[in-house]
Amino acid sequence: MLVTRIKTAVISLIVLGVVLFVVPAVVTRLVIAAVILIGAWEWSGFLGLAGNSARGVYVAVIAALMAVMIFIVPEQFGLLFQIACIWWFVAFIWTFFFPTRIPAVIRWLAGVLVLVPLFVALLSLYSLAPQFLVFVLVIVWAADMGAFFAGKLFGRVKLAPGISPGKTWEGVFGGLALVAILTLTWAHYAQANIAVLLPFCLAVGALSVVGDLTVSMFKRTAGVKDSGKLFPGHGGVLDRVDSVAAAAPLFALGLDWLRLAT
């Protein structure tokens, strides 16, 4: 299993590099849209829908909302990111009360709040500069890797045992410590304002944990371990982008508010 995970991770990184820095921009945007729609298909599996046709309707709804944001109301990106951040704060509070019954309408709406802002944030960051998209991914990966190793070495206090029994508070702090080291290193070489950049990146890293827990909460409600099987050893799209779904809208919003992209 470990060898499979490593192979999948290496291949995924190579494909990501090609998509972001080699192929034409229109192809990159189409690939991002396709990935999100695969995620929408996986999310439809959390809804208890009967048959592929019903699941296809949900994917079509997500696709339509993505198109509306890009082609009809692009000036509302900032508002969408603010709504997403409010949603993730609510989701954070929600995790403390799990297990709770999740009505079907909430599961439908939650998928919209996870997937549509993620799509818009990824496109916005890529359009601004692919390096910004890479940076938020690196923050998420650092938070995840730091949490994994710190949790293995020092983990004692469970973070959310009803949702993800393997996660610990020690792991969270270890992940944030790695994010801090990464941020300090980057700020030194980029001569960035560390007083602004460090708390911002730590907030992005912390929110990525909420994304992971939230999607895990919906998977547990649906009675599934992985959202899909697209990535051998890693699961589906949602298993790979759950943390990014929470982190990317905040990152995109913060770049604008804090003028970090200038």
C-alpha atoms as a PDB file:
ATOM      1  CA  MET A   1       0.000   0.000   0.000  1.00  0.00           C
ATOM      2  CA  LEU A   2       2.794   2.447   0.884  1.00  0.00           C
ATOM      3  CA  VAL A   3       4.543   1.832  -2.445  1.00  0.00           C
ATOM      4  CA  THR A   4       1.261   2.432  -4.269  1.00  0.00           C
ATOM      5  CA  ARG A   5       0.696   5.676  -2.385  1.00  0.00           C
ATOM      6  CA  ILE A   6       4.184   6.910  -3.189  1.00  0.00           C
ATOM      7  CA  LYS A   7       3.855   6.052  -6.876  1.00  0.00           C
ATOM      8  CA  THR A   8       0.492   7.784  -7.087  1.00  0.00           C
ATOM      9  CA  ALA A   9       1.839  10.867  -5.301  1.00  0.00           C
ATOM     10  CA  VAL A  10       4.851  11.141  -7.620  1.00  0.00           C
ATOM     11  CA  ILE A  11       2.753  10.721 -10.766  1.00  0.00           C
ATOM     12  CA  SER A  12       0.201  13.228  -9.466  1.00  0.00           C
ATOM     13  CA  LEU A  13       2.912  15.820  -8.807  1.00  0.00           C
ATOM     14  CA  ILE A  14       4.317  15.381 -12.297  1.00  0.00           C
ATOM     15  CA  VAL A  15       0.876  15.751 -13.857  1.00  0.00           C
ATOM     16  CA  LEU A  16       0.200  18.803 -11.681  1.00  0.00           C
ATOM     17  CA  GLY A  17       3.437  20.428 -12.823  1.00  0.00           C
ATOM     18  CA  VAL A  18       2.587  19.818 -16.474  1.00  0.00           C
ATOM     19  CA  VAL A  19      -0.950  21.137 -16.048  1.00  0.00           C
ATOM     20  CA  LEU A  20       0.150  24.310 -14.275  1.00  0.00           C
ATOM     21  CA  PHE A  21       3.316  25.204 -16.180  1.00  0.00           C
ATOM     22  CA  VAL A  22       3.412  23.421 -19.554  1.00  0.00           C
ATOM     23  CA  VAL A  23       0.027  23.127 -21.243  1.00  0.00           C
ATOM     24  CA  PRO A  24      -1.931  26.173 -22.517  1.00  0.00           C
ATOM     25  CA  ALA A  25      -3.963  28.079 -19.942  1.00  0.00           C
ATOM     26  CA  VAL A  26      -7.279  27.045 -21.493  1.00  0.00           C
ATOM     27  CA  VAL A  27      -6.348  23.387 -21.020  1.00  0.00           C
ATOM     28  CA  THR A  28      -5.405  24.023 -17.391  1.00  0.00           C
ATOM     29  CA  ARG A  29      -8.758  25.691 -16.713  1.00  0.00           C
ATOM     30  CA  LEU A  30     -10.601  22.787 -18.328  1.00  0.00           C
ATOM     31  CA  VAL A  31      -8.620  20.277 -16.263  1.00  0.00           C
ATOM     32  CA  ILE A  32      -9.444  22.156 -13.049  1.00  0.00           C
ATOM     33  CA  ALA A  33     -13.129  22.199 -14.007  1.00  0.00           C
ATOM     34  CA  ALA A  34     -13.059  18.476 -14.812  1.00  0.00           C
ATOM     35  CA  VAL A  35     -11.460  17.644 -11.461  1.00  0.00           C
ATOM     36  CA  ILE A  36     -14.107  19.635  -9.586  1.00  0.00           C
ATOM     37  CA  LEU A  37     -16.901  17.914 -11.510  1.00  0.00           C
ATOM     38  CA  ILE A  38     -15.431  14.520 -10.650  1.00  0.00           C
ATOM     39  CA  GLY A  39     -15.504  15.731  -7.066  1.00  0.00           C
ATOM     40  CA  ALA A  40     -19.163  16.673  -7.560  1.00  0.00           C
ATOM     41  CA  TRP A  41     -19.889  13.150  -8.774  1.00  0.00           C
ATOM     42  CA  GLU A  42     -18.221  11.760  -5.663  1.00  0.00           C
ATOM     43  CA  TRP A  43     -20.161  14.167  -3.434  1.00  0.00           C
ATOM     44  CA  SER A  44     -23.403  12.987  -5.032  1.00  0.00           C
ATOM     45  CA  GLY A  45     -22.586   9.624  -3.479  1.00  0.00           C
ATOM     46  CA  PHE A  46     -23.105  11.242  -0.054  1.00  0.00           C
ATOM     47  CA  LEU A  47     -26.661  12.250  -0.955  1.00  0.00           C
ATOM     48  CA  GLY A  48     -28.328   8.853  -1.087  1.00  0.00           C
ATOM     49  CA  LEU A  49     -29.370   9.393  -4.700  1.00  0.00           C
ATOM     50  CA  ALA A  50     -30.715   6.382  -6.577  1.00  0.00           C
ATOM     51  CA  GLY A  51     -29.025   5.766  -9.912  1.00  0.00           C
ATOM     52  CA  ASN A  52     -26.487   7.526 -12.095  1.00  0.00           C
ATOM     53  CA  SER A  53     -29.094   9.826 -13.619  1.00  0.00           C
ATOM     54  CA  ALA A  54     -29.901  11.421 -10.279  1.00  0.00           C
ATOM     55  CA  ARG A  55     -26.222  11.785  -9.484  1.00  0.00           C
ATOM     56  CA  GLY A  56     -25.712  13.332 -12.901  1.00  0.00           C
ATOM     57  CA  VAL A  57     -28.316  15.962 -12.077  1.00  0.00           C
ATOM     58  CA  TYR A  58     -26.274  17.019  -9.062  1.00  0.00           C
ATOM     59  CA  VAL A  59     -23.121  17.270 -11.165  1.00  0.00           C
ATOM     60  CA  ALA A  60     -25.042  19.367 -13.693  1.00  0.00           C
ATOM     61  CA  VAL A  61     -26.193  21.718 -10.921  1.00  0.00           C
ATOM     62  CA  ILE A  62     -22.601  22.200  -9.755  1.00  0.00           C
ATOM     63  CA  ALA A  63     -21.436  22.745 -13.354  1.00  0.00           C
ATOM     64  CA  ALA A  64     -24.156  25.345 -13.918  1.00  0.00           C
ATOM     65  CA  LEU A  65     -23.204  27.241 -10.759  1.00  0.00           C
ATOM     66  CA  MET A  66     -19.537  27.153 -11.764  1.00  0.00           C
ATOM     67  CA  ALA A  67     -20.452  28.598 -15.175  1.00  0.00           C
ATOM     68  CA  VAL A  68     -22.592  31.317 -13.587  1.00  0.00           C
ATOM     69  CA  MET A  69     -19.714  32.425 -11.373  1.00  0.00           C
ATOM     70  CA  ILE A  70     -17.181  32.504 -14.214  1.00  0.00           C
ATOM     71  CA  PHE A  71     -19.237  33.900 -17.083  1.00  0.00           C
ATOM     72  CA  ILE A  72     -22.083  35.884 -15.512  1.00  0.00           C
ATOM     73  CA  VAL A  73     -21.044  37.265 -12.113  1.00  0.00           C
ATOM     74  CA  PRO A  74     -17.212  37.188 -11.975  1.00  0.00           C
ATOM     75  CA  GLU A  75     -17.303  40.448 -10.008  1.00  0.00           C
ATOM     76  CA  GLN A  76     -18.776  38.461  -7.091  1.00  0.00           C
ATOM     77  CA  PHE A  77     -15.713  36.274  -6.517  1.00  0.00           C
ATOM     78  CA  GLY A  78     -14.877  38.109  -3.307  1.00  0.00           C
ATOM     79  CA  LEU A  79     -18.388  37.655  -1.949  1.00  0.00           C
ATOM     80  CA  LEU A  80     -18.265  33.954  -2.802  1.00  0.00           C
ATOM     81  CA  PHE A  81     -14.993  33.562  -0.908  1.00  0.00           C
ATOM     82  CA  GLN A  82     -16.489  35.345   2.110  1.00  0.00           C
ATOM     83  CA  ILE A  83     -19.500  33.013   2.053  1.00  0.00           C
ATOM     84  CA  ALA A  84     -17.123  30.043   1.814  1.00  0.00           C
ATOM     85  CA  CYS A  85     -15.142  31.241   4.844  1.00  0.00           C
ATOM     86  CA  ILE A  86     -18.369  31.619   6.843  1.00  0.00           C
ATOM     87  CA  TRP A  87     -19.363  28.088   5.800  1.00  0.00           C
ATOM     88  CA  TRP A  88     -16.039  26.645   6.951  1.00  0.00           C
ATOM     89  CA  PHE A  89     -16.389  28.409  10.313  1.00  0.00           C
ATOM     90  CA  VAL A  90     -19.851  26.853  10.689  1.00  0.00           C
ATOM     91  CA  ALA A  91     -18.422  23.480   9.641  1.00  0.00           C
ATOM     92  CA  PHE A  92     -15.725  23.828  12.305  1.00  0.00           C
ATOM     93  CA  ILE A  93     -18.374  24.336  15.007  1.00  0.00           C
ATOM     94  CA  TRP A  94     -20.380  21.479  13.527  1.00  0.00           C
ATOM     95  CA  THR A  95     -17.545  18.996  13.971  1.00  0.00           C
ATOM     96  CA  PHE A  96     -17.821  19.373  17.753  1.00  0.00           C
ATOM     97  CA  PHE A  97     -21.401  18.068  17.663  1.00  0.00           C
ATOM     98  CA  PHE A  98     -20.872  15.127  15.322  1.00  0.00           C
ATOM     99  CA  PRO A  99     -22.445  12.591  14.994  1.00  0.00           C
ATOM    100  CA  THR A 100     -25.584  14.487  14.130  1.00  0.00           C
ATOM    101  CA  ARG A 101     -28.271  13.811  11.557  1.00  0.00           C
ATOM    102  CA  ILE A 102     -27.575  15.703   8.314  1.00  0.00           C
ATOM    103  CA  PRO A 103     -30.750  16.382   6.297  1.00  0.00           C
ATOM    104  CA  ALA A 104     -30.561  15.788   2.547  1.00  0.00           C
ATOM    105  CA  VAL A 105     -30.995  19.469   1.703  1.00  0.00           C
ATOM    106  CA  ILE A 106     -28.003  20.348   3.893  1.00  0.00           C
ATOM    107  CA  ARG A 107     -25.894  17.700   2.181  1.00  0.00           C
ATOM    108  CA  TRP A 108     -26.838  19.151  -1.209  1.00  0.00           C
ATOM    109  CA  LEU A 109     -26.049  22.689  -0.102  1.00  0.00           C
ATOM    110  CA  ALA A 110     -22.807  21.711   1.607  1.00  0.00           C
ATOM    111  CA  GLY A 111     -21.522  20.222  -1.641  1.00  0.00           C
ATOM    112  CA  VAL A 112     -22.170  23.534  -3.387  1.00  0.00           C
ATOM    113  CA  LEU A 113     -20.369  25.461  -0.634  1.00  0.00           C
ATOM    114  CA  VAL A 114     -17.382  23.112  -0.837  1.00  0.00           C
ATOM    115  CA  LEU A 115     -16.991  22.697  -4.587  1.00  0.00           C
ATOM    116  CA  VAL A 116     -18.006  25.967  -6.246  1.00  0.00           C
ATOM    117  CA  PRO A 117     -15.798  28.284  -4.126  1.00  0.00           C
ATOM    118  CA  LEU A 118     -12.939  25.804  -4.529  1.00  0.00           C
ATOM    119  CA  PHE A 119     -13.265  25.929  -8.318  1.00  0.00           C
ATOM    120  CA  VAL A 120     -13.385  29.721  -8.408  1.00  0.00           C
ATOM    121  CA  ALA A 121     -10.482  30.040  -5.968  1.00  0.00           C
ATOM    122  CA  LEU A 122      -8.264  27.670  -7.958  1.00  0.00           C
ATOM    123  CA  LEU A 123      -9.010  29.503 -11.201  1.00  0.00           C
ATOM    124  CA  SER A 124      -8.440  32.892  -9.554  1.00  0.00           C
ATOM    125  CA  LEU A 125      -5.101  31.871  -8.082  1.00  0.00           C
ATOM    126  CA  TYR A 126      -3.975  30.279 -11.343  1.00  0.00           C
ATOM    127  CA  SER A 127      -4.989  33.383 -13.321  1.00  0.00           C
ATOM    128  CA  LEU A 128      -3.136  35.603 -10.871  1.00  0.00           C
ATOM    129  CA  ALA A 129      -0.010  33.443 -11.131  1.00  0.00           C
ATOM    130  CA  PRO A 130       0.436  29.657 -10.998  1.00  0.00           C
ATOM    131  CA  GLN A 131       2.960  30.200  -8.210  1.00  0.00           C
ATOM    132  CA  PHE A 132       0.187  31.400  -5.904  1.00  0.00           C
ATOM    133  CA  LEU A 133      -1.762  28.209  -6.543  1.00  0.00           C
ATOM    134  CA  VAL A 134       1.350  26.170  -5.834  1.00  0.00           C
ATOM    135  CA  PHE A 135       1.962  28.140  -2.640  1.00  0.00           C
ATOM    136  CA  VAL A 136      -1.450  27.375  -1.140  1.00  0.00           C
ATOM    137  CA  LEU A 137      -1.010  23.719  -2.082  1.00  0.00           C
ATOM    138  CA  VAL A 138       2.380  23.661  -0.354  1.00  0.00           C
ATOM    139  CA  ILE A 139       0.837  25.187   2.789  1.00  0.00           C
ATOM    140  CA  VAL A 140      -1.817  22.468   2.830  1.00  0.00           C
ATOM    141  CA  TRP A 141       0.733  19.721   2.185  1.00  0.00           C
ATOM    142  CA  ALA A 142       3.013  21.067   4.934  1.00  0.00           C
ATOM    143  CA  ALA A 143       0.119  21.124   7.412  1.00  0.00           C
ATOM    144  CA  ASP A 144      -0.774  17.559   6.446  1.00  0.00           C
ATOM    145  CA  MET A 145       2.766  16.165   6.495  1.00  0.00           C
ATOM    146  CA  GLY A 146       3.670  17.923   9.730  1.00  0.00           C
ATOM    147  CA  ALA A 147       0.495  16.619  11.339  1.00  0.00           C
ATOM    148  CA  PHE A 148       1.225  13.070  10.174  1.00  0.00           C
ATOM    149  CA  PHE A 149       4.746  12.888  11.584  1.00  0.00           C
ATOM    150  CA  ALA A 150       4.029  14.867  14.764  1.00  0.00           C
ATOM    151  CA  GLY A 151       0.966  12.743  15.371  1.00  0.00           C
ATOM    152  CA  LYS A 152       2.967   9.542  14.934  1.00  0.00           C
ATOM    153  CA  LEU A 153       5.693  10.719  17.315  1.00  0.00           C
ATOM    154  CA  PHE A 154       3.780  12.678  19.946  1.00  0.00           C
ATOM    155  CA  GLY A 155       0.055  12.149  19.363  1.00  0.00           C
ATOM    156  CA  ARG A 156      -1.951  11.539  22.503  1.00  0.00           C
ATOM    157  CA  VAL A 157      -4.996  13.827  22.585  1.00  0.00           C
ATOM    158  CA  LYS A 158      -7.565  12.960  19.917  1.00  0.00           C
ATOM    159  CA  LEU A 159      -8.739  15.857  17.762  1.00  0.00           C
ATOM    160  CA  ALA A 160     -12.116  14.504  16.641  1.00  0.00           C
ATOM    161  CA  PRO A 161     -12.329  10.780  17.459  1.00  0.00           C
ATOM    162  CA  GLY A 162     -15.861  10.453  16.124  1.00  0.00           C
ATOM    163  CA  ILE A 163     -14.808  11.757  12.708  1.00  0.00           C
ATOM    164  CA  SER A 164     -11.145  10.904  12.210  1.00  0.00           C
ATOM    165  CA  PRO A 165      -9.753   8.744  15.040  1.00  0.00           C
ATOM    166  CA  GLY A 166      -6.162   9.003  13.826  1.00  0.00           C
ATOM    167  CA  LYS A 167      -5.900  12.785  14.106  1.00  0.00           C
ATOM    168  CA  THR A 168      -4.528  14.399  17.256  1.00  0.00           C
ATOM    169  CA  TRP A 169      -4.062  17.915  18.578  1.00  0.00           C
ATOM    170  CA  GLU A 170      -0.327  17.282  18.732  1.00  0.00           C
ATOM    171  CA  GLY A 171      -0.477  16.516  15.024  1.00  0.00           C
ATOM    172  CA  VAL A 172      -2.313  19.767  14.311  1.00  0.00           C
ATOM    173  CA  PHE A 173       0.310  21.800  16.155  1.00  0.00           C
ATOM    174  CA  GLY A 174       3.078  19.877  14.415  1.00  0.00           C
ATOM    175  CA  GLY A 175       1.522  20.669  11.057  1.00  0.00           C
ATOM    176  CA  LEU A 176       1.205  24.348  11.905  1.00  0.00           C
ATOM    177  CA  ALA A 177       4.818  24.376  13.083  1.00  0.00           C
ATOM    178  CA  LEU A 178       5.921  23.103   9.680  1.00  0.00           C
ATOM    179  CA  VAL A 179       3.742  25.740   8.000  1.00  0.00           C
ATOM    180  CA  ALA A 180       5.436  28.384  10.155  1.00  0.00           C
ATOM    181  CA  ILE A 181       8.908  27.169   9.179  1.00  0.00           C
ATOM    182  CA  LEU A 182       7.925  27.153   5.515  1.00  0.00           C
ATOM    183  CA  THR A 183       6.457  30.662   5.770  1.00  0.00           C
ATOM    184  CA  LEU A 184       9.464  32.098   7.612  1.00  0.00           C
ATOM    185  CA  THR A 185      11.803  30.614   5.045  1.00  0.00           C
ATOM    186  CA  TRP A 186       9.821  31.974   2.125  1.00  0.00           C
ATOM    187  CA  ALA A 187       9.399  35.403   3.746  1.00  0.00           C
ATOM    188  CA  HIS A 188      13.164  35.638   4.305  1.00  0.00           C
ATOM    189  CA  TYR A 189      14.033  35.028   0.663  1.00  0.00           C
ATOM    190  CA  ALA A 190      11.083  37.003  -0.732  1.00  0.00           C
ATOM    191  CA  GLN A 191      11.601  39.876   1.734  1.00  0.00           C
ATOM    192  CA  ALA A 192       7.909  39.723   2.617  1.00  0.00           C
ATOM    193  CA  ASN A 193       6.284  41.288   5.684  1.00  0.00           C
ATOM    194  CA  ILE A 194       6.454  38.399   8.141  1.00  0.00           C
ATOM    195  CA  ALA A 195       4.087  40.097  10.608  1.00  0.00           C
ATOM    196  CA  VAL A 196       1.350  39.809   7.981  1.00  0.00           C
ATOM    197  CA  LEU A 197       2.377  36.669   6.146  1.00  0.00           C
ATOM    198  CA  LEU A 198       2.916  34.343   9.123  1.00  0.00           C
ATOM    199  CA  PRO A 199      -0.506  34.648  10.811  1.00  0.00           C
ATOM    200  CA  PHE A 200      -2.156  34.549   7.391  1.00  0.00           C
ATOM    201  CA  CYS A 201      -0.460  31.298   6.390  1.00  0.00           C
ATOM    202  CA  LEU A 202      -1.093  29.772   9.807  1.00  0.00           C
ATOM    203  CA  ALA A 203      -4.804  30.595   9.427  1.00  0.00           C
ATOM    204  CA  VAL A 204      -4.835  28.971   5.984  1.00  0.00           C
ATOM    205  CA  GLY A 205      -3.088  25.898   7.383  1.00  0.00           C
ATOM    206  CA  ALA A 206      -5.495  25.657  10.319  1.00  0.00           C
ATOM    207  CA  LEU A 207      -8.527  25.961   8.062  1.00  0.00           C
ATOM    208  CA  SER A 208      -7.204  23.152   5.878  1.00  0.00           C
ATOM    209  CA  VAL A 209      -7.641  20.840   8.881  1.00  0.00           C
ATOM    210  CA  VAL A 210     -11.295  21.886   9.094  1.00  0.00           C
ATOM    211  CA  GLY A 211     -11.743  20.981   5.421  1.00  0.00           C
ATOM    212  CA  ASP A 212     -10.314  17.525   6.031  1.00  0.00           C
ATOM    213  CA  LEU A 213     -12.543  16.908   9.043  1.00  0.00           C
ATOM    214  CA  THR A 214     -15.661  18.239   7.339  1.00  0.00           C
ATOM    215  CA  VAL A 215     -15.420  16.005   4.284  1.00  0.00           C
ATOM    216  CA  SER A 216     -14.609  13.077   6.580  1.00  0.00           C
ATOM    217  CA  MET A 217     -17.778  13.899   8.503  1.00  0.00           C
ATOM    218  CA  PHE A 218     -19.872  13.601   5.343  1.00  0.00           C
ATOM    219  CA  LYS A 219     -18.094  10.388   4.351  1.00  0.00           C
ATOM    220  CA  ARG A 220     -18.866   8.854   7.732  1.00  0.00           C
ATOM    221  CA  THR A 221     -22.494   9.927   7.412  1.00  0.00           C
ATOM    222  CA  ALA A 222     -22.613   8.189   4.023  1.00  0.00           C
ATOM    223  CA  GLY A 223     -20.851   5.122   5.435  1.00  0.00           C
ATOM    224  CA  VAL A 224     -17.859   5.229   3.074  1.00  0.00           C
ATOM    225  CA  LYS A 225     -14.122   5.250   3.799  1.00  0.00           C
ATOM    226  CA  ASP A 226     -12.984   6.958   0.589  1.00  0.00           C
ATOM    227  CA  SER A 227     -14.930   9.234  -1.721  1.00  0.00           C
ATOM    228  CA  GLY A 228     -13.670   7.385  -4.802  1.00  0.00           C
ATOM    229  CA  LYS A 229     -10.875   5.331  -6.339  1.00  0.00           C
ATOM    230  CA  LEU A 230      -9.337   7.718  -8.878  1.00  0.00           C
ATOM    231  CA  PHE A 231      -6.003   7.874  -7.036  1.00  0.00           C
ATOM    232  CA  PRO A 232      -4.772   4.374  -6.084  1.00  0.00           C
ATOM    233  CA  GLY A 233      -3.840   4.290  -2.423  1.00  0.00           C
ATOM    234  CA  HIS A 234      -5.231   7.782  -1.855  1.00  0.00           C
ATOM    235  CA  GLY A 235      -8.932   7.501  -2.676  1.00  0.00           C
ATOM    236  CA  GLY A 236     -10.908   9.927  -4.801  1.00  0.00           C
ATOM    237  CA  VAL A 237     -10.767  13.597  -5.706  1.00  0.00           C
ATOM    238  CA  LEU A 238     -12.489  14.712  -2.506  1.00  0.00           C
ATOM    239  CA  ASP A 239      -9.976  12.725  -0.471  1.00  0.00           C
ATOM    240  CA  ARG A 240      -7.219  14.768  -2.137  1.00  0.00           C
ATOM    241  CA  VAL A 241      -8.802  18.221  -2.188  1.00  0.00           C
ATOM    242  CA  ASP A 242     -10.772  18.296   1.081  1.00  0.00           C
ATOM    243  CA  SER A 243      -8.137  20.407   2.844  1.00  0.00           C
ATOM    244  CA  VAL A 244      -7.564  22.591  -0.219  1.00  0.00           C
ATOM    245  CA  ALA A 245     -11.308  23.244  -0.487  1.00  0.00           C
ATOM    246  CA  ALA A 246     -11.204  25.102   2.823  1.00  0.00           C
ATOM    247  CA  ALA A 247      -7.778  26.695   2.418  1.00  0.00           C
ATOM    248  CA  ALA A 248      -7.970  28.023  -1.153  1.00  0.00           C
ATOM    249  CA  PRO A 249     -10.924  30.460  -0.759  1.00  0.00           C
ATOM    250  CA  LEU A 250      -9.366  31.985   2.367  1.00  0.00           C
ATOM    251  CA  PHE A 251      -6.000  32.227   0.621  1.00  0.00           C
ATOM    252  CA  ALA A 252      -7.525  33.915  -2.432  1.00  0.00           C
ATOM    253  CA  LEU A 253      -9.528  36.313  -0.256  1.00  0.00           C
ATOM    254  CA  GLY A 254      -6.515  37.155   1.893  1.00  0.00           C
ATOM    255  CA  LEU A 255      -4.293  37.902  -1.089  1.00  0.00           C
ATOM    256  CA  ASP A 256      -6.742  40.599  -2.067  1.00  0.00           C
ATOM    257  CA  TRP A 257      -7.504  41.998   1.382  1.00  0.00           C
ATOM    258  CA  LEU A 258      -3.906  42.015   2.581  1.00  0.00           C
ATOM    259  CA  ARG A 259      -2.470  43.103  -0.795  1.00  0.00           C
ATOM    260  CA  LEU A 260      -0.090  40.165  -0.731  1.00  0.00           C
ATOM    261  CA  ALA A 261      -0.270  39.701  -4.509  1.00  0.00           C
ATOM    262  CA  THR A 262       1.083  43.181  -5.280  1.00  0.00           C
END
